[in-house]
């Protein structure tokens, strides 16, 4: 819904939130989208009711239907540390909304350094004990606010560097929070220090709202605050975008390359406008290292588009893009074609174009693609950055090389076209697979896959890294990851299986695969390895489960293909299958199982 996309009108959303929710739910129902249901506990050190309602809207807009638990005022610590209704709620996410108002003791100008350090340690320990208890009790993702700056400086400019300064104390405490986040998976910081700076310190702090209603921030800032927190939650559950579809003229450079000529477009360092576009290109290019796929969607002759990208002072080069559509087709069709080529959904794209008419067409026909409301070039970066399309909940080595992986896929497709026999094509790839139990090296990537894979995903179970680590350490679990390499390069970890063992029976709770390796036999290799692992664990029979969604119809008969017998099917299409392990016949593949220390691409 456009009203819920950045930049939005916070005051309007607060005023109309119930009507907007009704309209949003109606749109979702008409579109037939299946919502991801999650339980979110909001534990506040201040009033949180409006925050919860705004979170609800932004999450719904990202396909997440939240059930909320809201602590009583300032009971955030007690709800975690002692028996409470939170125990029965069993949250998927705990969001701790605290602020500098919840720091119980600050330094005074009479304090020695040792006393200030002791106060700092006491404040940090208060939060650390709560986080640890939450991890032990619930094992779920935890989101914690950092601290905004105080709205006054008792020591003036000295306040920020003197060890007795309140501002200095807050900065040091924030740093302790960041160090904890760096060493603990599934723990995330909601950066309200940045939000306060962007919004304006004095407007954000608004003491009148605290003293009247115990709001830790101005009511008008609640929209920005909730949107930022919602971005973290949707990233945790894999609702991020994956790709950008970028216009060229007056978007990546100033001017129209077909009219002005490549030599006259504005990019580089010669003018202020050229510098603006160069800075924007640097920002876009940096997304490659986050695993974001860059594509071109431009109404242009291909020759002119490439001439603009090949200018010596262009930051973005043709090789930075996994697909370039420079033609005179409508942009919604180009986007659809690019999505099909990359084997990702159109709703995985962010469409970036300076032309309001083109944005309107893609918004109407782009099958769920996000459309950025660009204003002036100087604000392009801010608008995209604050939209949170690519919020990081995890980061793996595969993200650094995702563009190269998709380019290698294009090479495979070109080679396929030269073969009359598909088996010969597969043999020509010289594929090797590493199929092993979950490894600490790949925990982040495995969790990421569970939240990103939608089509080849039998149970659609979404997992945090903590969930994956628990599976790996459980004695009654069989876990496998699959890593596939071929002569074109390393595809990375592309398949994940996990099953719970009860007696002599294994129940598959997780089976998924990246669509970029479809029809190459990886699913056969994984099943062969999984059944072998079952035999090693004394498993006699396996139950597999298929839970239908709007996107995973391609695997509705997956288990039947491997000799599983259908046990039951309900009205919604959910199926249960059974396999006798001794009756399984391994599938032939063109994949060689490698040794654990396989190095790809050498």
Protein backbone atom coordinates (compact mmCIF):
# COMPACT_ATOMS: atom_id res chain seq x y z
CA UNK A 1 0.00 0.00 0.00
CA UNK A 2 1.45 3.32 -1.12
CA UNK A 3 0.49 5.15 2.12
CA UNK A 4 2.74 2.78 4.09
CA UNK A 5 5.81 3.19 1.88
CA UNK A 6 8.61 5.61 2.70
CA UNK A 7 8.33 8.60 2.69
CA UNK A 8 4.99 8.46 4.49
CA UNK A 9 2.90 10.87 6.55
CA UNK A 10 3.20 9.64 10.15
CA UNK A 11 0.49 11.90 11.50
CA UNK A 12 -1.94 10.70 8.82
CA UNK A 13 -1.14 7.04 9.51
CA UNK A 14 -1.71 7.48 13.23
CA UNK A 15 -5.00 9.23 12.67
CA UNK A 16 -6.32 6.80 10.04
CA UNK A 17 -4.59 3.58 11.19
CA UNK A 18 -7.76 1.54 11.73
CA UNK A 19 -9.28 2.50 8.37
CA UNK A 20 -5.94 1.84 6.66
CA UNK A 21 -5.75 -1.61 8.29
CA UNK A 22 -9.21 -2.51 7.03
CA UNK A 23 -8.30 -1.39 3.51
CA UNK A 24 -4.99 -3.25 3.64
CA UNK A 25 -6.62 -6.49 4.79
CA UNK A 26 -9.19 -6.14 2.01
CA UNK A 27 -6.41 -5.74 -0.59
CA UNK A 28 -4.59 -8.78 0.80
CA UNK A 29 -7.76 -10.87 0.69
CA UNK A 30 -8.50 -9.84 -2.91
CA UNK A 31 -4.95 -10.66 -3.96
CA UNK A 32 -5.10 -14.08 -2.33
CA UNK A 33 -1.74 -13.65 -0.61
CA UNK A 34 -0.99 -15.97 2.29
CA UNK A 35 0.17 -14.08 5.37
CA UNK A 36 3.06 -15.27 7.51
CA UNK A 37 1.77 -15.49 11.09
CA UNK A 38 4.18 -14.56 13.88
CA UNK A 39 3.98 -13.80 17.59
CA UNK A 40 5.71 -10.60 18.64
CA UNK A 41 6.18 -9.47 22.23
CA UNK A 42 6.65 -5.73 22.70
CA UNK A 43 8.17 -5.08 26.13
CA UNK A 44 8.22 -1.40 26.92
CA UNK A 45 9.98 0.88 29.32
CA UNK A 46 7.43 3.48 28.27
CA UNK A 47 3.98 3.63 26.63
CA UNK A 48 3.83 1.30 23.63
CA UNK A 49 0.18 1.04 22.51
CA UNK A 50 0.47 3.29 19.44
CA UNK A 51 3.81 1.68 18.54
CA UNK A 52 2.14 -1.74 18.48
CA UNK A 53 -0.66 -0.49 16.23
CA UNK A 54 1.78 1.08 13.79
CA UNK A 55 4.01 -2.01 13.81
CA UNK A 56 0.91 -4.02 12.95
CA UNK A 57 0.31 -1.90 9.83
CA UNK A 58 3.87 -1.99 8.53
CA UNK A 59 4.21 -5.73 9.09
CA UNK A 60 0.92 -6.45 7.33
CA UNK A 61 2.20 -4.41 4.40
CA UNK A 62 5.15 -6.83 4.28
CA UNK A 63 2.96 -9.94 4.42
CA UNK A 64 3.33 -10.65 8.15
CA UNK A 65 0.25 -11.01 10.33
CA UNK A 66 1.39 -10.37 13.88
CA UNK A 67 -0.17 -11.45 17.14
CA UNK A 68 1.10 -9.09 19.82
CA UNK A 69 1.90 -9.38 23.48
CA UNK A 70 2.30 -5.99 25.13
CA UNK A 71 3.85 -5.64 28.57
CA UNK A 72 2.36 -3.41 31.19
CA UNK A 73 4.02 -0.02 31.52
CA UNK A 74 7.74 -0.36 32.45
CA UNK A 75 7.43 -4.10 33.17
CA UNK A 76 9.79 -5.12 30.36
CA UNK A 77 12.41 -6.60 32.70
CA UNK A 78 10.01 -8.37 35.04
CA UNK A 79 8.11 -10.04 32.19
CA UNK A 80 11.27 -11.79 31.04
CA UNK A 81 12.94 -12.50 34.37
CA UNK A 82 9.94 -13.87 36.27
CA UNK A 83 6.90 -16.01 35.52
CA UNK A 84 4.42 -14.01 33.47
CA UNK A 85 1.85 -14.28 30.69
CA UNK A 86 4.78 -13.94 28.29
CA UNK A 87 5.75 -17.54 29.09
CA UNK A 88 2.46 -18.85 27.70
CA UNK A 89 2.60 -16.49 24.71
CA UNK A 90 5.78 -18.18 23.38
CA UNK A 91 7.00 -15.33 21.14
CA UNK A 92 8.81 -15.58 17.82
CA UNK A 93 10.32 -12.14 18.41
CA UNK A 94 10.87 -10.11 21.57
CA UNK A 95 11.15 -6.37 20.95
CA UNK A 96 12.48 -4.42 23.93
CA UNK A 97 11.50 -0.78 23.66
CA UNK A 98 13.64 1.16 26.12
CA UNK A 99 15.19 4.61 26.02
CA UNK A 100 17.47 6.88 28.05
CA UNK A 101 14.46 7.33 30.34
CA UNK A 102 15.10 3.75 31.45
CA UNK A 103 18.72 4.29 32.49
CA UNK A 104 18.34 4.24 36.24
CA UNK A 105 21.56 5.98 37.24
CA UNK A 106 23.81 8.41 35.39
CA UNK A 107 27.22 9.77 36.44
CA UNK A 108 27.44 12.93 38.50
CA UNK A 109 30.21 15.51 38.31
CA UNK A 110 31.39 14.30 41.74
CA UNK A 111 32.01 10.75 40.53
CA UNK A 112 35.48 9.33 40.05
CA UNK A 113 36.16 7.24 36.96
CA UNK A 114 35.87 4.00 38.97
CA UNK A 115 32.36 4.98 40.13
CA UNK A 116 31.28 5.84 36.58
CA UNK A 117 32.63 2.51 35.29
CA UNK A 118 30.71 0.69 38.03
CA UNK A 119 27.49 2.47 37.05
CA UNK A 120 28.07 1.57 33.42
CA UNK A 121 28.62 -2.07 34.29
CA UNK A 122 25.49 -2.14 36.44
CA UNK A 123 23.36 -0.72 33.63
CA UNK A 124 24.75 -3.13 31.06
CA UNK A 125 24.38 -6.12 33.39
CA UNK A 126 20.72 -5.22 33.94
CA UNK A 127 20.06 -5.63 30.21
CA UNK A 128 22.45 -8.51 29.62
CA UNK A 129 20.76 -10.62 32.31
CA UNK A 130 17.39 -10.01 30.61
CA UNK A 131 18.72 -10.92 27.15
CA UNK A 132 20.32 -14.11 28.44
CA UNK A 133 17.15 -15.12 30.28
CA UNK A 134 15.07 -14.47 27.16
CA UNK A 135 17.40 -16.65 25.07
CA UNK A 136 17.18 -19.48 27.61
CA UNK A 137 13.39 -19.31 28.01
CA UNK A 138 12.24 -18.55 24.48
CA UNK A 139 15.15 -19.09 22.07
CA UNK A 140 13.70 -16.46 19.77
CA UNK A 141 15.00 -13.37 18.00
CA UNK A 142 15.53 -10.35 20.26
CA UNK A 143 15.36 -6.74 19.09
CA UNK A 144 16.71 -4.13 21.48
CA UNK A 145 16.68 -0.35 21.11
CA UNK A 146 19.98 1.38 21.56
CA UNK A 147 19.90 4.69 23.45
CA UNK A 148 19.19 8.09 21.95
CA UNK A 149 21.21 11.09 23.10
CA UNK A 150 19.94 13.02 26.14
CA UNK A 151 18.06 16.19 25.21
CA UNK A 152 20.34 18.39 27.30
CA UNK A 153 24.10 18.63 27.99
CA UNK A 154 24.94 19.53 31.56
CA UNK A 155 28.63 19.85 30.68
CA UNK A 156 28.04 21.59 27.37
CA UNK A 157 30.40 20.41 24.62
CA UNK A 158 32.45 18.59 27.23
CA UNK A 159 29.48 16.29 27.88
CA UNK A 160 30.31 14.10 24.89
CA UNK A 161 33.92 13.29 25.86
CA UNK A 162 34.21 13.73 29.64
CA UNK A 163 33.73 10.39 31.45
CA UNK A 164 31.21 12.11 33.74
CA UNK A 165 29.14 13.41 30.84
CA UNK A 166 25.69 11.99 30.30
CA UNK A 167 26.22 11.89 26.53
CA UNK A 168 29.51 10.07 26.97
CA UNK A 169 27.86 7.54 29.29
CA UNK A 170 25.12 6.82 26.74
CA UNK A 171 27.68 6.36 23.94
CA UNK A 172 29.73 3.93 26.03
CA UNK A 173 26.62 1.97 27.00
CA UNK A 174 25.55 1.78 23.36
CA UNK A 175 28.98 0.40 22.47
CA UNK A 176 28.53 -2.40 25.01
CA UNK A 177 25.19 -3.21 23.36
CA UNK A 178 26.88 -3.35 19.94
CA UNK A 179 29.61 -5.68 21.21
CA UNK A 180 26.93 -8.01 22.58
CA UNK A 181 25.12 -7.96 19.20
CA UNK A 182 28.37 -8.83 17.41
CA UNK A 183 28.86 -11.95 19.53
CA UNK A 184 25.25 -13.19 19.77
CA UNK A 185 23.21 -14.44 16.83
CA UNK A 186 19.52 -13.53 16.51
CA UNK A 187 20.10 -10.36 18.50
CA UNK A 188 19.40 -7.08 16.70
CA UNK A 189 19.74 -3.39 17.48
CA UNK A 190 16.91 -1.01 16.59
CA UNK A 191 18.99 2.10 15.94
CA UNK A 192 16.95 4.88 17.49
CA UNK A 193 20.11 6.95 17.92
CA UNK A 194 20.14 7.36 14.13
CA UNK A 195 16.40 7.94 13.98
CA UNK A 196 16.62 10.66 16.60
CA UNK A 197 19.44 12.37 14.71
CA UNK A 198 17.53 12.18 11.41
CA UNK A 199 14.28 13.36 12.96
CA UNK A 200 15.81 16.09 15.10
CA UNK A 201 16.91 15.65 18.70
CA UNK A 202 14.66 18.31 20.24
CA UNK A 203 11.56 17.30 18.26
CA UNK A 204 12.14 13.60 19.03
CA UNK A 205 12.67 13.99 22.78
CA UNK A 206 9.57 16.15 23.40
CA UNK A 207 9.54 16.08 27.25
CA UNK A 208 5.88 17.13 27.33
CA UNK A 209 4.85 13.76 25.89
CA UNK A 210 6.85 11.95 28.55
CA UNK A 211 5.40 13.84 31.47
CA UNK A 212 1.81 13.72 30.19
CA UNK A 213 1.60 10.18 28.78
CA UNK A 214 4.98 8.48 29.38
CA UNK A 215 5.89 8.41 25.69
CA UNK A 216 9.68 8.16 25.27
CA UNK A 217 9.47 9.96 21.91
CA UNK A 218 7.23 12.48 20.21
CA UNK A 219 3.96 10.99 18.99
CA UNK A 220 4.63 12.24 15.46
CA UNK A 221 7.87 10.22 15.45
CA UNK A 222 6.12 6.91 16.21
CA UNK A 223 5.62 6.19 12.51
CA UNK A 224 9.35 6.49 11.72
CA UNK A 225 10.22 4.47 14.81
CA UNK A 226 7.77 1.62 14.10
CA UNK A 227 8.71 1.49 10.40
CA UNK A 228 12.36 1.04 11.35
CA UNK A 229 11.57 -1.78 13.79
CA UNK A 230 9.25 -3.45 11.27
CA UNK A 231 12.12 -3.52 8.75
CA UNK A 232 14.17 -5.63 11.17
CA UNK A 233 11.29 -8.04 11.77
CA UNK A 234 10.48 -8.52 8.09
CA UNK A 235 14.19 -9.09 7.38
CA UNK A 236 14.36 -11.77 10.08
CA UNK A 237 11.54 -13.63 8.34
CA UNK A 238 12.85 -13.26 4.81
CA UNK A 239 10.54 -10.53 3.53
CA UNK A 240 13.35 -8.45 2.05
CA UNK A 241 13.66 -7.56 -1.60
CA UNK A 242 16.35 -9.27 -3.67
CA UNK A 243 16.94 -7.11 -6.73
CA UNK A 244 16.83 -3.59 -8.14
CA UNK A 245 15.43 -2.73 -11.57
CA UNK A 246 17.11 0.56 -12.44
CA UNK A 247 16.24 3.15 -15.04
CA UNK A 248 19.17 4.98 -16.67
CA UNK A 249 18.30 8.47 -17.99
CA UNK A 250 17.97 10.98 -15.13
CA UNK A 251 18.16 8.09 -12.66
CA UNK A 252 21.72 6.76 -12.90
CA UNK A 253 22.97 9.80 -14.78
CA UNK A 254 21.76 13.26 -15.67
CA UNK A 255 20.33 13.74 -19.14
CA UNK A 256 19.03 11.46 -21.90
CA UNK A 257 21.82 9.44 -23.47
CA UNK A 258 19.92 8.89 -26.75
CA UNK A 259 19.43 12.62 -27.27
CA UNK A 260 22.50 14.11 -25.60
CA UNK A 261 25.04 11.44 -26.51
CA UNK A 262 27.10 9.45 -24.00
CA UNK A 263 29.76 12.17 -23.97
CA UNK A 264 27.28 14.80 -22.73
CA UNK A 265 25.37 13.00 -19.95
CA UNK A 266 26.09 14.19 -16.41
CA UNK A 267 28.19 11.71 -14.43
CA UNK A 268 31.60 12.08 -12.82
CA UNK A 269 33.17 15.07 -11.07
CA UNK A 270 32.88 17.93 -13.55
CA UNK A 271 29.69 19.53 -12.20
CA UNK A 272 27.66 19.41 -9.00
CA UNK A 273 24.91 17.46 -10.79
CA UNK A 274 27.44 14.95 -12.17
CA UNK A 275 28.79 14.43 -8.65
CA UNK A 276 25.28 13.77 -7.31
CA UNK A 277 24.74 10.96 -9.83
CA UNK A 278 28.24 9.54 -9.25
CA UNK A 279 27.53 9.37 -5.53
CA UNK A 280 24.22 7.65 -6.24
CA UNK A 281 25.93 5.11 -8.49
CA UNK A 282 28.48 4.35 -5.76
CA UNK A 283 25.60 3.76 -3.34
CA UNK A 284 23.84 1.43 -5.77
CA UNK A 285 27.03 -0.48 -6.59
CA UNK A 286 27.72 -1.11 -2.89
CA UNK A 287 24.53 -3.20 -2.78
CA UNK A 288 26.23 -5.90 -4.88
CA UNK A 289 28.29 -6.89 -1.85
CA UNK A 290 25.06 -7.27 0.15
CA UNK A 291 23.88 -9.88 -2.34
CA UNK A 292 21.41 -7.54 -4.07
CA UNK A 293 21.04 -8.23 -7.79
CA UNK A 294 21.32 -5.17 -10.02
CA UNK A 295 19.41 -5.01 -13.29
CA UNK A 296 18.72 -2.32 -15.91
CA UNK A 297 15.18 -1.54 -17.07
CA UNK A 298 15.42 1.36 -19.49
CA UNK A 299 13.61 2.68 -22.54
CA UNK A 300 16.68 3.08 -24.70
CA UNK A 301 18.55 1.59 -27.60
CA UNK A 302 20.90 -1.04 -26.16
CA UNK A 303 23.87 0.58 -27.88
CA UNK A 304 23.22 3.95 -26.20
CA UNK A 305 22.65 2.34 -22.78
CA UNK A 306 25.95 0.47 -22.95
CA UNK A 307 27.75 3.61 -24.15
CA UNK A 308 26.57 5.45 -21.04
CA UNK A 309 27.63 2.62 -18.72
CA UNK A 310 30.99 2.30 -20.46
CA UNK A 311 31.98 5.92 -19.91
CA UNK A 312 35.34 5.98 -18.07
CA UNK A 313 33.83 8.01 -15.23
CA UNK A 314 30.75 5.81 -14.76
CA UNK A 315 30.90 4.01 -11.42
CA UNK A 316 28.49 1.30 -12.56
CA UNK A 317 29.72 -0.82 -15.46
CA UNK A 318 27.84 -3.35 -17.61
CA UNK A 319 29.44 -6.22 -15.64
CA UNK A 320 27.80 -4.97 -12.43
CA UNK A 321 24.37 -6.01 -13.74
CA UNK A 322 22.99 -9.54 -13.97
CA UNK A 323 20.52 -8.43 -16.65
CA UNK A 324 20.25 -5.37 -18.90
CA UNK A 325 16.93 -4.62 -20.58
CA UNK A 326 17.43 -1.54 -22.74
CA UNK A 327 14.65 -1.54 -25.34
CA UNK A 328 11.28 0.04 -26.08
CA UNK A 329 9.09 -2.54 -24.33
CA UNK A 330 6.90 -1.40 -21.43
CA UNK A 331 8.84 -1.51 -18.19
CA UNK A 332 6.43 -3.81 -16.40
CA UNK A 333 6.99 -6.39 -19.17
CA UNK A 334 10.74 -5.93 -18.96
CA UNK A 335 10.58 -6.47 -15.22
CA UNK A 336 8.53 -9.64 -15.71
CA UNK A 337 11.00 -10.97 -18.28
CA UNK A 338 13.98 -10.25 -16.03
CA UNK A 339 12.30 -11.99 -13.11
CA UNK A 340 11.69 -15.07 -15.27
CA UNK A 341 15.32 -15.12 -16.45
CA UNK A 342 16.63 -14.91 -12.88
CA UNK A 343 13.99 -17.34 -11.59
CA UNK A 344 12.83 -14.99 -8.83
CA UNK A 345 9.43 -13.41 -8.27
CA UNK A 346 8.52 -9.96 -9.55
CA UNK A 347 7.72 -9.09 -5.94
CA UNK A 348 11.44 -9.51 -5.16
CA UNK A 349 12.26 -6.32 -7.12
CA UNK A 350 12.62 -2.68 -6.21
CA UNK A 351 11.83 -0.50 -9.23
CA UNK A 352 13.87 2.72 -9.35
CA UNK A 353 12.82 5.29 -11.98
CA UNK A 354 12.63 9.08 -11.98
CA UNK A 355 9.52 9.08 -14.24
CA UNK A 356 6.20 9.17 -12.31
CA UNK A 357 4.31 7.69 -15.27
CA UNK A 358 6.61 4.67 -15.45
CA UNK A 359 6.34 4.22 -11.69
CA UNK A 360 2.57 4.27 -11.92
CA UNK A 361 2.54 1.59 -14.64
CA UNK A 362 4.86 -0.73 -12.70
CA UNK A 363 2.96 -0.15 -9.46
CA UNK A 364 -0.24 -1.23 -11.22
CA UNK A 365 1.21 -4.13 -13.23
CA UNK A 366 4.48 -5.10 -11.56
CA UNK A 367 3.06 -8.06 -9.58
CA UNK A 368 4.15 -6.78 -6.19
CA UNK A 369 7.42 -5.04 -7.07
CA UNK A 370 8.23 -2.18 -4.70
CA UNK A 371 8.24 1.21 -6.42
CA UNK A 372 10.46 3.97 -5.03
CA UNK A 373 8.92 7.46 -4.98
CA UNK A 374 11.96 9.42 -6.10
CA UNK A 375 12.01 13.19 -5.81
CA UNK A 376 15.15 15.20 -6.66
CA UNK A 377 18.44 13.39 -7.40
CA UNK A 378 20.02 14.75 -4.22
CA UNK A 379 17.44 12.73 -2.22
CA UNK A 380 17.63 9.46 -4.17
CA UNK A 381 19.99 7.80 -1.68
CA UNK A 382 18.03 8.92 1.36
CA UNK A 383 14.72 7.68 -0.03
CA UNK A 384 16.00 4.22 -0.94
CA UNK A 385 18.10 3.85 2.19
CA UNK A 386 15.33 4.80 4.61
CA UNK A 387 12.88 2.47 2.85
CA UNK A 388 14.66 -0.54 4.34
CA UNK A 389 14.17 -2.79 1.30
CA UNK A 390 17.43 -4.64 1.98
CA UNK A 391 17.65 -4.56 5.79
CA UNK A 392 20.29 -7.07 6.91
CA UNK A 393 19.25 -9.72 9.42
CA UNK A 394 22.15 -11.98 8.43
CA UNK A 395 25.13 -11.81 6.15
CA UNK A 396 27.01 -14.73 4.61
CA UNK A 397 29.92 -15.28 2.27
CA UNK A 398 27.45 -16.26 -0.46
CA UNK A 399 26.04 -12.73 -0.43
CA UNK A 400 29.41 -11.34 -1.55
CA UNK A 401 29.39 -13.44 -4.72
CA UNK A 402 25.68 -13.57 -5.56
CA UNK A 403 26.02 -11.52 -8.75
CA UNK A 404 28.74 -13.86 -10.03
CA UNK A 405 26.54 -16.87 -9.18
CA UNK A 406 23.68 -15.53 -11.28
CA UNK A 407 26.02 -14.69 -14.14
CA UNK A 408 27.36 -18.25 -14.01
CA UNK A 409 23.75 -19.45 -14.22
CA UNK A 410 23.37 -17.44 -17.42
CA UNK A 411 26.48 -19.19 -18.80
CA UNK A 412 24.95 -22.56 -17.91
CA UNK A 413 21.76 -21.57 -19.75
CA UNK A 414 23.75 -20.61 -22.84
CA UNK A 415 25.63 -23.93 -22.74
CA UNK A 416 22.36 -25.85 -22.34
CA UNK A 417 21.14 -24.35 -25.63
CA UNK A 418 24.05 -26.02 -27.44
CA UNK A 419 23.17 -29.56 -26.25
CA UNK A 420 20.52 -31.77 -27.80
CA UNK A 421 20.69 -34.26 -24.90
CA UNK A 422 19.99 -32.92 -21.41
CA UNK A 423 21.92 -35.71 -19.72
CA UNK A 424 25.01 -34.87 -21.75
CA UNK A 425 24.60 -31.25 -20.74
CA UNK A 426 24.50 -32.20 -17.06
CA UNK A 427 27.55 -34.43 -17.47
CA UNK A 428 29.41 -31.56 -19.14
CA UNK A 429 28.96 -29.38 -16.04
CA UNK A 430 31.34 -31.62 -14.00
CA UNK A 431 29.23 -31.14 -10.88
CA UNK A 432 30.43 -31.96 -7.37
CA UNK A 433 28.40 -31.71 -4.17
CA UNK A 434 29.32 -31.34 -0.54
CA UNK A 435 26.47 -32.85 1.53
CA UNK A 436 27.18 -32.83 5.26
CA UNK A 437 25.51 -32.15 8.63
CA UNK A 438 24.93 -28.47 9.47
CA UNK A 439 28.27 -26.77 10.03
CA UNK A 440 29.05 -23.62 12.08
CA UNK A 441 30.63 -22.20 8.93
CA UNK A 442 27.26 -22.13 7.16
CA UNK A 443 24.74 -21.52 9.97
CA UNK A 444 24.04 -17.96 8.83
CA UNK A 445 23.52 -19.02 5.19
CA UNK A 446 21.29 -21.96 6.18
CA UNK A 447 19.05 -19.68 8.27
CA UNK A 448 19.01 -17.19 5.41
CA UNK A 449 17.87 -19.88 2.97
CA UNK A 450 14.95 -20.91 5.20
CA UNK A 451 13.68 -17.34 5.07
CA UNK A 452 14.32 -16.68 1.38
CA UNK A 453 13.30 -19.90 -0.35
CA UNK A 454 9.63 -19.87 -1.30
CA UNK A 455 9.15 -22.06 -4.37
CA UNK A 456 11.15 -25.21 -3.60
CA UNK A 457 10.17 -25.31 0.06
CA UNK A 458 8.08 -28.22 1.34
CA UNK A 459 7.14 -26.99 4.82
CA UNK A 460 7.94 -23.24 4.58
CA UNK A 461 9.36 -23.35 8.11
CA UNK A 462 11.16 -20.06 8.80
CA UNK A 463 14.15 -20.29 11.15
CA UNK A 464 16.48 -17.94 12.94
CA UNK A 465 20.14 -18.81 13.26
CA UNK A 466 19.46 -19.88 16.84
CA UNK A 467 16.84 -22.34 15.55
CA UNK A 468 19.35 -23.81 13.10
CA UNK A 469 22.00 -24.13 15.81
CA UNK A 470 19.54 -26.00 18.05
CA UNK A 471 18.75 -28.43 15.24
CA UNK A 472 22.46 -28.99 14.61
CA UNK A 473 23.19 -29.76 18.26
CA UNK A 474 20.14 -31.95 18.92
CA UNK A 475 20.93 -35.67 19.12
CA UNK A 476 17.48 -36.55 17.81
CA UNK A 477 17.87 -34.50 14.59
CA UNK A 478 19.26 -35.38 11.19
CA UNK A 479 20.53 -32.25 9.45
CA UNK A 480 22.12 -31.85 6.02
CA UNK A 481 23.23 -28.94 3.91
CA UNK A 482 24.08 -29.26 0.23
CA UNK A 483 26.75 -27.21 -1.53
CA UNK A 484 27.01 -27.53 -5.31
CA UNK A 485 29.94 -26.66 -7.56
CA UNK A 486 30.53 -27.06 -11.28
CA UNK A 487 32.97 -25.89 -13.93
CA UNK A 488 31.39 -22.43 -13.97
CA UNK A 489 31.87 -21.86 -10.25
CA UNK A 490 30.53 -22.34 -6.74
CA UNK A 491 26.76 -22.10 -6.24
CA UNK A 492 27.26 -22.04 -2.47
CA UNK A 493 24.87 -23.70 -0.02
CA UNK A 494 21.74 -24.38 -2.05
CA UNK A 495 19.78 -27.07 -0.17
CA UNK A 496 18.81 -27.78 3.44
CA UNK A 497 17.16 -30.76 5.12
CA UNK A 498 16.28 -31.31 8.76
CA UNK A 499 14.32 -34.16 10.34
CA UNK A 500 13.31 -34.98 13.89
CA UNK A 501 13.75 -38.61 15.03
CA UNK A 502 11.25 -40.28 17.35
CA UNK A 503 11.91 -43.94 17.94
CA UNK A 504 12.64 -45.50 14.58
CA UNK A 505 10.78 -42.79 12.68
CA UNK A 506 12.08 -39.56 11.13
CA UNK A 507 9.76 -36.60 10.53
CA UNK A 508 11.03 -34.13 7.93
CA UNK A 509 10.45 -30.61 9.25
CA UNK A 510 12.55 -28.72 6.72
CA UNK A 511 13.32 -29.47 3.09
CA UNK A 512 14.17 -26.68 0.67
CA UNK A 513 16.40 -25.82 -2.24
CA UNK A 514 17.42 -22.69 -4.09
CA UNK A 515 15.69 -22.47 -7.45
CA UNK A 516 18.91 -21.49 -9.16
CA UNK A 517 19.98 -25.17 -9.21
CA UNK A 518 16.67 -26.67 -10.32
CA UNK A 519 16.70 -29.69 -12.66
CA UNK A 520 20.34 -30.47 -12.05
CA UNK A 521 19.83 -33.49 -9.80
CA UNK A 522 20.68 -31.82 -6.51
CA UNK A 523 17.35 -32.87 -4.99
CA UNK A 524 18.16 -36.50 -5.93
CA UNK A 525 21.62 -36.25 -4.36
CA UNK A 526 20.13 -34.76 -1.20
CA UNK A 527 17.49 -37.49 -0.90
CA UNK A 528 20.10 -40.19 -1.42
CA UNK A 529 22.25 -38.68 1.32
CA UNK A 530 19.28 -38.16 3.63
CA UNK A 531 18.07 -41.77 3.40
CA UNK A 532 21.63 -42.98 3.98
CA UNK A 533 21.79 -40.80 7.09
CA UNK A 534 18.46 -42.24 8.25
CA UNK A 535 19.88 -45.77 7.98
CA UNK A 536 22.93 -44.74 10.00
CA UNK A 537 20.59 -43.45 12.73
CA UNK A 538 18.54 -46.65 12.80
CA UNK A 539 15.50 -45.00 11.20
CA UNK A 540 13.08 -47.49 9.62
CA UNK A 541 10.48 -45.12 8.16
CA UNK A 542 10.29 -41.46 7.17
CA UNK A 543 7.33 -39.11 7.13
CA UNK A 544 7.45 -36.13 4.78
CA UNK A 545 5.09 -33.16 4.86
CA UNK A 546 3.96 -30.70 2.21
CA UNK A 547 2.18 -27.49 3.26
CA UNK A 548 0.85 -25.58 0.25
CA UNK A 549 1.41 -21.86 -0.31
CA UNK A 550 0.81 -19.55 -3.25
CA UNK A 551 4.43 -20.07 -4.36
CA UNK A 552 5.40 -23.70 -3.67
CA UNK A 553 3.08 -25.60 -6.01
CA UNK A 554 6.12 -26.87 -7.93
CA UNK A 555 6.92 -29.30 -5.09
CA UNK A 556 3.42 -30.57 -4.32
CA UNK A 557 4.30 -34.03 -5.72
CA UNK A 558 7.95 -34.01 -4.61
CA UNK A 559 7.77 -36.95 -2.22
CA UNK A 560 5.76 -39.10 -4.64
CA UNK A 561 8.65 -38.85 -7.11
CA UNK A 562 10.89 -40.62 -4.60
CA UNK A 563 8.56 -43.50 -3.83
CA UNK A 564 6.86 -42.04 -0.76
CA UNK A 565 3.27 -43.23 -0.30
CA UNK A 566 0.54 -40.64 0.30
CA UNK A 567 -0.90 -41.10 3.81
CA UNK A 568 -3.34 -38.21 3.97
CA UNK A 569 -4.38 -34.94 2.34
CA UNK A 570 -6.62 -32.29 3.90
CA UNK A 571 -8.98 -29.83 2.24
CA UNK A 572 -6.31 -27.14 2.05
CA UNK A 573 -4.00 -29.47 0.11
CA UNK A 574 -1.57 -30.26 2.95
CA UNK A 575 -0.15 -33.74 2.44
CA UNK A 576 1.58 -36.35 4.57
CA UNK A 577 3.76 -39.02 2.95
CA UNK A 578 5.50 -42.15 4.27
CA UNK A 579 8.61 -44.00 3.07
CA UNK A 580 10.01 -47.34 4.20
CA UNK A 581 13.75 -46.72 4.33
CA UNK A 582 14.65 -50.25 3.26
CA UNK A 583 12.53 -49.92 0.12
CA UNK A 584 14.23 -46.74 -1.12
CA UNK A 585 16.17 -47.08 -4.37
CA UNK A 586 18.89 -44.39 -4.69
CA UNK A 587 18.43 -42.06 -7.64
CA UNK A 588 21.18 -41.83 -10.27
CA UNK A 589 22.67 -38.35 -10.69
CA UNK A 590 25.38 -36.58 -12.64
CA UNK A 591 26.74 -35.18 -9.38
CA UNK A 592 29.86 -36.55 -7.73
CA UNK A 593 29.80 -36.48 -3.92
CA UNK A 594 32.89 -34.65 -2.80
CA UNK A 595 35.07 -34.86 0.27
CA UNK A 596 34.33 -32.37 3.11
CA UNK A 597 37.33 -30.14 2.32
CA UNK A 598 36.27 -29.57 -1.29
CA UNK A 599 37.53 -26.30 -2.74
CA UNK A 600 35.42 -25.14 -5.66
CA UNK A 601 36.62 -23.40 -8.76
CA UNK A 602 40.19 -24.73 -8.63
